[in-house]
Amino acid sequence: MCGISGIINKRKTKVREADIVAMNQLIIHRGPDAEGYFFFENIAFGHRRLSIIDLSENGKQPMNYLENYTIIYNGEIYNYIEIRNQLKELGYSFHSESDTEVIIASYIQWGTDCVRKFNGMWSFALFDKIKKLIFCSRDRFGMKPFYYTEIDDLLFLDLK
C-alpha cells in the first residue's frame, strides 16, 4: 500500500513545491518507507512508499524510464514477470525488479492498451514527456481507487 499525490496546474505555471509536499504528508501513513517527488513545468507528483516487491533504491518512485516517462503507482501487477519476459524479448531492459518499471515499458510498447495485459490491482499516473500527456489508470474493479478533483485551474490527483 503506497500513497500517491499529484497536482497539475492547467494555467501552465509551476506547481508550488510546498503544495505537493503538504498533500503528500497527508498520506504519510500509506507509505512509511520513503517519499519522493517529481516536478516538470506545470506538473508535480508525490509518492509515499511501502516497499514490497523491489526493496532496493531501484524501486523508488516517482520512477523515471528512458528520461521521457515518469510514473507514480500503487498496487501490484500479478503477472508482471510474464509481461517483463515478453518485453525483454522485444528488446527492453530493466534496472529494477519492480512491477512499476514493467508498467512503463508496457506503456511504451502498447500505449494505453497496456492495461489490457495487466492482471492485478493498480492505480497510477504516468507522464509521457514526449507526447506531453498524463495517462491515468486504475484496475477494472477499483481495488486501488483513483480520486481526482478540480479546483479553479488545478487538478489534484489522489491515488490510494
Protein backbone atom coordinates (compact mmCIF):
# COMPACT_ATOMS: atom_id res chain seq x y z
CA MET A 1 0.00 0.00 0.00
CA CYS A 2 1.59 3.24 -1.16
CA GLY A 3 0.34 6.79 -1.23
CA ILE A 4 0.34 8.84 -4.36
CA SER A 5 -0.43 12.50 -4.96
CA GLY A 6 -0.30 14.84 -7.90
CA ILE A 7 -1.07 18.40 -8.92
CA ILE A 8 -1.45 19.63 -12.49
CA ASN A 9 -1.69 23.38 -12.99
CA LYS A 10 -3.88 23.99 -16.02
CA ARG A 11 -2.62 27.60 -16.26
CA LYS A 12 0.70 26.07 -17.31
CA THR A 13 2.56 27.64 -14.38
CA LYS A 14 4.83 25.83 -11.97
CA VAL A 15 3.27 23.93 -9.05
CA ARG A 16 4.45 25.20 -5.69
CA GLU A 17 6.70 22.63 -4.03
CA ALA A 18 5.10 23.34 -0.64
CA ASP A 19 1.68 22.34 -2.02
CA ILE A 20 2.67 18.86 -3.21
CA VAL A 21 4.76 18.26 -0.09
CA ALA A 22 1.79 19.19 2.12
CA MET A 23 -0.51 16.94 0.10
CA ASN A 24 1.96 14.06 0.32
CA GLN A 25 2.34 14.49 4.09
CA LEU A 26 -1.39 13.86 4.49
CA ILE A 27 -0.85 10.30 3.27
CA ILE A 28 2.35 9.51 5.17
CA HIS A 29 0.60 6.57 6.86
CA ARG A 30 0.24 4.85 3.48
CA GLY A 31 3.97 4.63 2.84
CA PRO A 32 6.40 4.86 5.76
CA ASP A 33 9.48 3.56 3.90
CA ALA A 34 10.32 6.51 1.64
CA GLU A 35 9.00 9.57 -0.13
CA GLY A 36 9.79 11.09 -3.48
CA TYR A 37 8.80 13.98 -5.72
CA PHE A 38 8.83 14.83 -9.41
CA PHE A 39 8.46 18.32 -10.90
CA PHE A 40 8.15 19.24 -14.56
CA GLU A 41 6.77 22.54 -15.78
CA ASN A 42 3.16 22.58 -14.52
CA ILE A 43 3.17 19.03 -13.07
CA ALA A 44 4.11 17.75 -9.62
CA PHE A 45 3.93 14.16 -8.40
CA GLY A 46 4.45 12.91 -4.87
CA HIS A 47 4.86 9.35 -3.62
CA ARG A 48 4.89 7.63 -0.22
CA ARG A 49 6.47 4.19 -0.49
CA LEU A 50 5.68 0.94 1.22
CA SER A 51 8.38 -1.37 -0.13
CA ILE A 52 7.06 -4.80 -1.08
CA ILE A 53 8.41 -6.22 -4.36
CA ASP A 54 11.73 -4.45 -5.01
CA LEU A 55 13.10 -3.30 -1.66
CA SER A 56 16.13 -1.59 -3.21
CA GLU A 57 16.51 2.05 -4.18
CA ASN A 58 15.90 0.96 -7.79
CA GLY A 59 12.21 0.56 -6.96
CA LYS A 60 11.87 4.10 -5.63
CA GLN A 61 9.15 6.38 -7.01
CA PRO A 62 8.37 8.55 -8.77
CA MET A 63 10.18 6.30 -11.22
CA ASN A 64 11.74 7.55 -14.45
CA TYR A 65 12.33 5.40 -17.51
CA LEU A 66 14.42 6.47 -20.51
CA GLU A 67 14.28 10.07 -19.24
CA ASN A 68 10.93 10.58 -21.00
CA TYR A 69 8.48 8.70 -18.79
CA THR A 70 7.67 9.15 -15.12
CA ILE A 71 5.19 7.17 -13.05
CA ILE A 72 3.61 7.22 -9.62
CA TYR A 73 1.95 3.93 -8.83
CA ASN A 74 0.26 1.92 -6.12
CA GLY A 75 -0.70 -1.70 -6.42
CA GLU A 76 0.56 -4.98 -7.71
CA ILE A 77 0.59 -6.41 -11.22
CA TYR A 78 0.41 -10.14 -10.53
CA ASN A 79 1.62 -11.19 -13.98
CA TYR A 80 4.44 -8.64 -14.24
CA ILE A 81 7.17 -11.28 -14.56
CA GLU A 82 5.41 -12.79 -17.58
CA ILE A 83 4.99 -9.33 -19.17
CA ARG A 84 8.58 -8.41 -18.27
CA ASN A 85 9.88 -11.52 -20.06
CA GLN A 86 7.79 -10.66 -23.13
CA LEU A 87 9.19 -7.11 -23.12
CA LYS A 88 12.76 -8.40 -22.75
CA GLU A 89 12.22 -10.50 -25.89
CA LEU A 90 11.17 -7.25 -27.61
CA GLY A 91 14.46 -5.59 -26.60
CA TYR A 92 13.56 -3.79 -23.37
CA SER A 93 15.98 -3.76 -20.45
CA PHE A 94 15.17 -3.22 -16.79
CA HIS A 95 17.10 -1.71 -13.90
CA SER A 96 14.84 -2.87 -11.09
CA GLU A 97 12.89 -5.94 -10.07
CA SER A 98 9.70 -3.91 -9.71
CA ASP A 99 6.39 -4.18 -11.47
CA THR A 100 6.45 -0.38 -11.71
CA GLU A 101 9.13 -0.41 -14.38
CA VAL A 102 7.18 -3.07 -16.28
CA ILE A 103 4.14 -0.77 -16.40
CA ILE A 104 6.20 2.00 -18.01
CA ALA A 105 7.80 -0.30 -20.59
CA SER A 106 4.37 -1.79 -21.35
CA TYR A 107 3.01 1.70 -21.99
CA ILE A 108 5.89 2.47 -24.36
CA GLN A 109 5.30 -0.79 -26.25
CA TRP A 110 1.48 -0.96 -26.34
CA GLY A 111 0.31 2.56 -25.46
CA THR A 112 -2.78 2.90 -23.32
CA ASP A 113 -3.81 -0.64 -24.31
CA CYS A 114 -1.07 -1.86 -21.98
CA VAL A 115 -3.62 -2.09 -19.16
CA ARG A 116 -5.38 -4.90 -21.05
CA LYS A 117 -2.33 -7.07 -20.31
CA PHE A 118 -2.32 -6.39 -16.56
CA ASN A 119 -3.79 -8.77 -14.01
CA GLY A 120 -3.84 -7.24 -10.57
CA MET A 121 -4.84 -4.19 -8.65
CA TRP A 122 -3.37 -0.82 -9.50
CA SER A 123 -3.74 2.88 -9.69
CA PHE A 124 -1.20 5.05 -11.47
CA ALA A 125 -0.45 8.30 -13.22
CA LEU A 126 2.18 8.14 -15.95
CA PHE A 127 3.67 11.27 -17.51
CA ASP A 128 4.78 10.94 -21.13
CA LYS A 129 7.20 13.80 -21.73
CA ILE A 130 7.33 13.15 -25.49
CA LYS A 131 3.57 13.41 -26.01
CA LYS A 132 3.13 15.88 -23.13
CA LEU A 133 0.30 13.85 -21.65
CA ILE A 134 -0.59 12.18 -18.38
CA PHE A 135 -2.12 8.72 -18.66
CA CYS A 136 -4.02 7.65 -15.56
CA SER A 137 -5.48 4.23 -14.88
CA ARG A 138 -6.96 2.11 -12.17
CA ASP A 139 -7.73 -1.59 -12.11
CA ARG A 140 -11.02 -2.83 -13.50
CA PHE A 141 -12.66 -3.41 -10.12
CA GLY A 142 -11.44 -0.29 -8.35
CA MET A 143 -9.43 -2.24 -5.77
CA LYS A 144 -6.96 0.66 -5.86
CA PRO A 145 -9.21 3.69 -6.25
CA PHE A 146 -8.22 6.77 -8.19
CA TYR A 147 -9.60 10.07 -6.96
CA TYR A 148 -9.28 13.47 -8.57
CA THR A 149 -10.79 16.86 -8.16
CA GLU A 150 -10.52 20.16 -9.99
CA ILE A 151 -10.37 23.38 -8.02
CA ASP A 152 -10.02 26.55 -10.06
CA ASP A 153 -7.22 25.80 -12.53
CA LEU A 154 -5.65 23.00 -10.50
CA LEU A 155 -6.27 19.29 -10.95
CA PHE A 156 -5.47 17.24 -7.84
CA LEU A 157 -4.77 13.50 -8.05
CA ASP A 158 -5.07 11.15 -5.11
CA LEU A 159 -4.36 7.54 -5.85
CA LYS A 160 -4.82 5.26 -2.89
